Amino acid sequence: MTILDNTYIAKYGYRGRCDMLKAITLKVEEKQFKLLEAISGQTHVPKSALIRQGIELVLRQHKEDVISADLRNEIAHLLEEDEELLKRLAKA
């Protein structure tokens, strides 16, 4: 089971197109980067697409002003999947 499949990618707005994308530079903690690389390697989703998905979550949260129950449940589900992957990676 992968954390992100094609359904999740489409759900969070990644459509595989690069129209109107703007380049940014950001700094992340080394631990975050390693985890991002691991998830990218496991799911075959580019790191940039995963970062865009994270940005989309933040934008949705601010748009709703308060985290809705649906978004809260979705985030909890994603965190559970992340935790499962981290446990599997720790065993490897």
N, C-alpha and C. Protein backbone atom coordinates (compact mmCIF):
# COMPACT_ATOMS: atom_id res chain seq x y z
N MET A 1 0.85 -1.18 0.00
CA MET A 1 0.00 0.00 0.00
C MET A 1 0.89 1.23 0.00
N THR A 2 0.63 2.16 -0.89
CA THR A 2 1.40 3.39 -0.93
C THR A 2 0.58 4.50 -0.31
N ILE A 3 1.27 5.50 0.18
CA ILE A 3 0.59 6.63 0.81
C ILE A 3 -0.22 7.40 -0.22
N LEU A 4 0.38 7.63 -1.34
CA LEU A 4 -0.30 8.41 -2.37
C LEU A 4 -0.42 7.59 -3.64
N ASP A 5 -1.63 7.41 -4.10
CA ASP A 5 -1.82 6.76 -5.38
C ASP A 5 -2.31 7.82 -6.36
N ASN A 6 -2.64 7.44 -7.56
CA ASN A 6 -3.08 8.41 -8.56
C ASN A 6 -4.31 9.17 -8.13
N THR A 7 -5.19 8.54 -7.36
CA THR A 7 -6.39 9.21 -6.88
C THR A 7 -6.00 10.37 -5.97
N TYR A 8 -5.08 10.12 -5.03
CA TYR A 8 -4.66 11.18 -4.13
C TYR A 8 -3.97 12.30 -4.89
N ILE A 9 -3.16 11.95 -5.86
CA ILE A 9 -2.45 12.97 -6.62
C ILE A 9 -3.46 13.88 -7.31
N ALA A 10 -4.45 13.31 -7.97
CA ALA A 10 -5.46 14.12 -8.65
C ALA A 10 -6.27 14.90 -7.63
N LYS A 11 -6.58 14.29 -6.50
CA LYS A 11 -7.39 14.94 -5.48
C LYS A 11 -6.73 16.21 -4.97
N TYR A 12 -5.42 16.22 -4.86
CA TYR A 12 -4.73 17.38 -4.35
C TYR A 12 -4.26 18.32 -5.45
N GLY A 13 -4.71 18.11 -6.65
CA GLY A 13 -4.49 19.10 -7.68
C GLY A 13 -3.33 18.86 -8.62
N TYR A 14 -2.53 17.82 -8.44
CA TYR A 14 -1.44 17.58 -9.35
C TYR A 14 -1.98 16.87 -10.57
N ARG A 15 -1.86 17.48 -11.72
CA ARG A 15 -2.39 16.91 -12.94
C ARG A 15 -1.27 16.58 -13.94
N GLY A 16 -0.02 16.71 -13.50
CA GLY A 16 1.09 16.39 -14.37
C GLY A 16 1.39 17.45 -15.40
N ARG A 17 0.88 18.65 -15.20
CA ARG A 17 1.14 19.72 -16.16
C ARG A 17 1.91 20.83 -15.47
N CYS A 18 2.62 21.61 -16.24
CA CYS A 18 3.49 22.63 -15.66
C CYS A 18 3.09 24.03 -16.09
N ASP A 19 1.84 24.21 -16.52
CA ASP A 19 1.44 25.53 -16.96
C ASP A 19 1.32 26.47 -15.76
N MET A 20 1.91 27.62 -15.88
CA MET A 20 1.82 28.68 -14.89
C MET A 20 2.44 28.33 -13.53
N LEU A 21 3.35 27.40 -13.48
CA LEU A 21 4.03 27.09 -12.23
C LEU A 21 5.13 28.12 -12.01
N LYS A 22 5.29 28.54 -10.79
CA LYS A 22 6.34 29.48 -10.41
C LYS A 22 7.38 28.76 -9.56
N ALA A 23 8.62 29.05 -9.79
CA ALA A 23 9.71 28.44 -9.02
C ALA A 23 9.89 29.19 -7.71
N ILE A 24 10.12 28.42 -6.64
CA ILE A 24 10.44 29.01 -5.34
C ILE A 24 11.61 28.23 -4.74
N THR A 25 12.27 28.84 -3.80
CA THR A 25 13.34 28.18 -3.06
C THR A 25 12.93 28.17 -1.61
N LEU A 26 13.12 27.03 -0.95
CA LEU A 26 12.78 26.96 0.46
C LEU A 26 13.78 26.09 1.18
N LYS A 27 13.84 26.27 2.48
CA LYS A 27 14.73 25.47 3.31
C LYS A 27 13.86 24.62 4.22
N VAL A 28 14.24 23.34 4.34
CA VAL A 28 13.55 22.43 5.24
C VAL A 28 14.59 21.76 6.13
N GLU A 29 14.12 21.26 7.24
CA GLU A 29 15.02 20.53 8.13
C GLU A 29 15.50 19.26 7.43
N GLU A 30 16.70 18.82 7.77
CA GLU A 30 17.26 17.63 7.14
C GLU A 30 16.35 16.42 7.33
N LYS A 31 15.78 16.28 8.53
CA LYS A 31 14.88 15.16 8.81
C LYS A 31 13.66 15.21 7.88
N GLN A 32 13.09 16.40 7.69
CA GLN A 32 11.95 16.55 6.80
C GLN A 32 12.33 16.18 5.37
N PHE A 33 13.51 16.61 4.95
CA PHE A 33 13.96 16.32 3.59
C PHE A 33 14.13 14.82 3.38
N LYS A 34 14.73 14.14 4.35
CA LYS A 34 14.94 12.70 4.23
C LYS A 34 13.60 11.96 4.18
N LEU A 35 12.65 12.40 5.00
CA LEU A 35 11.32 11.78 4.98
C LEU A 35 10.63 12.04 3.65
N LEU A 36 10.77 13.26 3.14
CA LEU A 36 10.19 13.60 1.85
C LEU A 36 10.78 12.74 0.74
N GLU A 37 12.10 12.56 0.77
CA GLU A 37 12.76 11.70 -0.22
C GLU A 37 12.27 10.27 -0.11
N ALA A 38 12.09 9.78 1.11
CA ALA A 38 11.63 8.41 1.31
C ALA A 38 10.22 8.23 0.76
N ILE A 39 9.34 9.17 1.05
CA ILE A 39 7.96 9.08 0.55
C ILE A 39 7.96 9.18 -0.97
N SER A 40 8.77 10.06 -1.50
CA SER A 40 8.85 10.20 -2.96
C SER A 40 9.35 8.91 -3.59
N GLY A 41 10.34 8.29 -2.99
CA GLY A 41 10.87 7.04 -3.51
C GLY A 41 9.86 5.90 -3.44
N GLN A 42 9.11 5.84 -2.35
CA GLN A 42 8.12 4.78 -2.17
C GLN A 42 6.93 4.96 -3.11
N THR A 43 6.51 6.21 -3.33
CA THR A 43 5.29 6.48 -4.10
C THR A 43 5.56 6.79 -5.56
N HIS A 44 6.83 7.09 -5.88
CA HIS A 44 7.21 7.53 -7.23
C HIS A 44 6.54 8.85 -7.60
N VAL A 45 6.22 9.64 -6.59
CA VAL A 45 5.66 10.98 -6.79
C VAL A 45 6.81 11.96 -6.56
N PRO A 46 7.06 12.87 -7.49
CA PRO A 46 8.17 13.82 -7.31
C PRO A 46 8.02 14.64 -6.03
N LYS A 47 9.16 14.98 -5.45
CA LYS A 47 9.15 15.78 -4.23
C LYS A 47 8.40 17.09 -4.44
N SER A 48 8.56 17.70 -5.60
CA SER A 48 7.88 18.96 -5.87
C SER A 48 6.36 18.79 -5.84
N ALA A 49 5.86 17.65 -6.33
CA ALA A 49 4.42 17.39 -6.30
C ALA A 49 3.94 17.20 -4.87
N LEU A 50 4.73 16.51 -4.05
CA LEU A 50 4.36 16.32 -2.65
C LEU A 50 4.32 17.66 -1.92
N ILE A 51 5.28 18.52 -2.20
CA ILE A 51 5.31 19.84 -1.57
C ILE A 51 4.10 20.66 -2.01
N ARG A 52 3.75 20.58 -3.29
CA ARG A 52 2.55 21.29 -3.76
C ARG A 52 1.29 20.79 -3.05
N GLN A 53 1.24 19.48 -2.78
CA GLN A 53 0.09 18.93 -2.06
C GLN A 53 0.02 19.50 -0.65
N GLY A 54 1.18 19.62 -0.01
CA GLY A 54 1.21 20.22 1.33
C GLY A 54 0.77 21.67 1.31
N ILE A 55 1.22 22.41 0.32
CA ILE A 55 0.80 23.80 0.19
C ILE A 55 -0.70 23.88 -0.01
N GLU A 56 -1.23 22.98 -0.83
CA GLU A 56 -2.68 22.97 -1.07
C GLU A 56 -3.46 22.72 0.22
N LEU A 57 -2.96 21.83 1.07
CA LEU A 57 -3.62 21.60 2.36
C LEU A 57 -3.66 22.87 3.21
N VAL A 58 -2.55 23.59 3.26
CA VAL A 58 -2.48 24.83 4.03
C VAL A 58 -3.44 25.87 3.45
N LEU A 59 -3.45 25.99 2.13
CA LEU A 59 -4.34 26.96 1.48
C LEU A 59 -5.81 26.64 1.74
N ARG A 60 -6.15 25.36 1.68
CA ARG A 60 -7.52 24.95 1.97
C ARG A 60 -7.89 25.27 3.41
N GLN A 61 -6.96 25.04 4.33
CA GLN A 61 -7.20 25.32 5.75
C GLN A 61 -7.50 26.80 5.95
N HIS A 62 -6.69 27.65 5.35
CA HIS A 62 -6.88 29.08 5.52
C HIS A 62 -8.13 29.57 4.81
N LYS A 63 -8.45 28.97 3.69
CA LYS A 63 -9.67 29.35 2.96
C LYS A 63 -10.91 29.03 3.80
N GLU A 64 -10.88 27.90 4.47
CA GLU A 64 -12.01 27.51 5.30
C GLU A 64 -12.01 28.24 6.64
N ASP A 65 -10.92 28.94 6.93
CA ASP A 65 -10.75 29.71 8.15
C ASP A 65 -10.63 28.84 9.38
N VAL A 66 -11.38 27.80 9.44
CA VAL A 66 -11.31 26.82 10.52
C VAL A 66 -11.26 25.46 9.85
N ILE A 67 -10.51 24.57 10.42
CA ILE A 67 -10.42 23.24 9.82
C ILE A 67 -11.77 22.55 9.97
N SER A 68 -12.34 22.18 8.84
CA SER A 68 -13.62 21.47 8.85
C SER A 68 -13.40 20.05 9.35
N ALA A 69 -14.49 19.41 9.74
CA ALA A 69 -14.41 18.03 10.21
C ALA A 69 -13.89 17.13 9.11
N ASP A 70 -14.32 17.36 7.86
CA ASP A 70 -13.86 16.54 6.74
C ASP A 70 -12.36 16.69 6.53
N LEU A 71 -11.87 17.92 6.55
CA LEU A 71 -10.44 18.15 6.37
C LEU A 71 -9.65 17.57 7.54
N ARG A 72 -10.17 17.74 8.75
CA ARG A 72 -9.51 17.19 9.93
C ARG A 72 -9.38 15.67 9.81
N ASN A 73 -10.46 15.01 9.37
CA ASN A 73 -10.43 13.56 9.18
C ASN A 73 -9.45 13.16 8.09
N GLU A 74 -9.42 13.93 7.02
CA GLU A 74 -8.51 13.66 5.91
C GLU A 74 -7.06 13.78 6.36
N ILE A 75 -6.77 14.82 7.12
CA ILE A 75 -5.41 15.02 7.64
C ILE A 75 -5.04 13.89 8.59
N ALA A 76 -5.96 13.51 9.47
CA ALA A 76 -5.70 12.42 10.41
C ALA A 76 -5.40 11.12 9.65
N HIS A 77 -6.15 10.87 8.59
CA HIS A 77 -5.92 9.67 7.77
C HIS A 77 -4.53 9.72 7.13
N LEU A 78 -4.16 10.87 6.58
CA LEU A 78 -2.84 11.01 5.95
C LEU A 78 -1.72 10.82 6.98
N LEU A 79 -1.92 11.37 8.17
CA LEU A 79 -0.91 11.21 9.21
C LEU A 79 -0.76 9.75 9.63
N GLU A 80 -1.88 9.03 9.70
CA GLU A 80 -1.82 7.60 10.02
C GLU A 80 -1.03 6.85 8.96
N GLU A 81 -1.29 7.17 7.69
CA GLU A 81 -0.56 6.52 6.61
C GLU A 81 0.92 6.86 6.68
N ASP A 82 1.24 8.13 6.99
CA ASP A 82 2.64 8.52 7.13
C ASP A 82 3.31 7.74 8.26
N GLU A 83 2.59 7.58 9.36
CA GLU A 83 3.14 6.86 10.50
C GLU A 83 3.43 5.41 10.13
N GLU A 84 2.52 4.78 9.37
CA GLU A 84 2.74 3.41 8.92
C GLU A 84 3.99 3.32 8.05
N LEU A 85 4.16 4.27 7.14
CA LEU A 85 5.33 4.26 6.26
C LEU A 85 6.60 4.44 7.07
N LEU A 86 6.59 5.35 8.02
CA LEU A 86 7.78 5.58 8.85
C LEU A 86 8.16 4.31 9.63
N LYS A 87 7.16 3.61 10.12
CA LYS A 87 7.43 2.36 10.84
C LYS A 87 8.08 1.34 9.91
N ARG A 88 7.55 1.24 8.68
CA ARG A 88 8.12 0.30 7.71
C ARG A 88 9.55 0.70 7.33
N LEU A 89 9.77 2.01 7.19
CA LEU A 89 11.12 2.48 6.82
C LEU A 89 12.10 2.22 7.96
N ALA A 90 11.63 2.35 9.19
CA ALA A 90 12.50 2.12 10.35
C ALA A 90 12.94 0.66 10.42
N LYS A 91 12.08 -0.24 9.95
CA LYS A 91 12.41 -1.67 9.97
C LYS A 91 13.36 -2.05 8.85
N ALA A 92 13.39 -1.24 7.79
CA ALA A 92 14.21 -1.58 6.62
C ALA A 92 15.68 -1.37 6.88
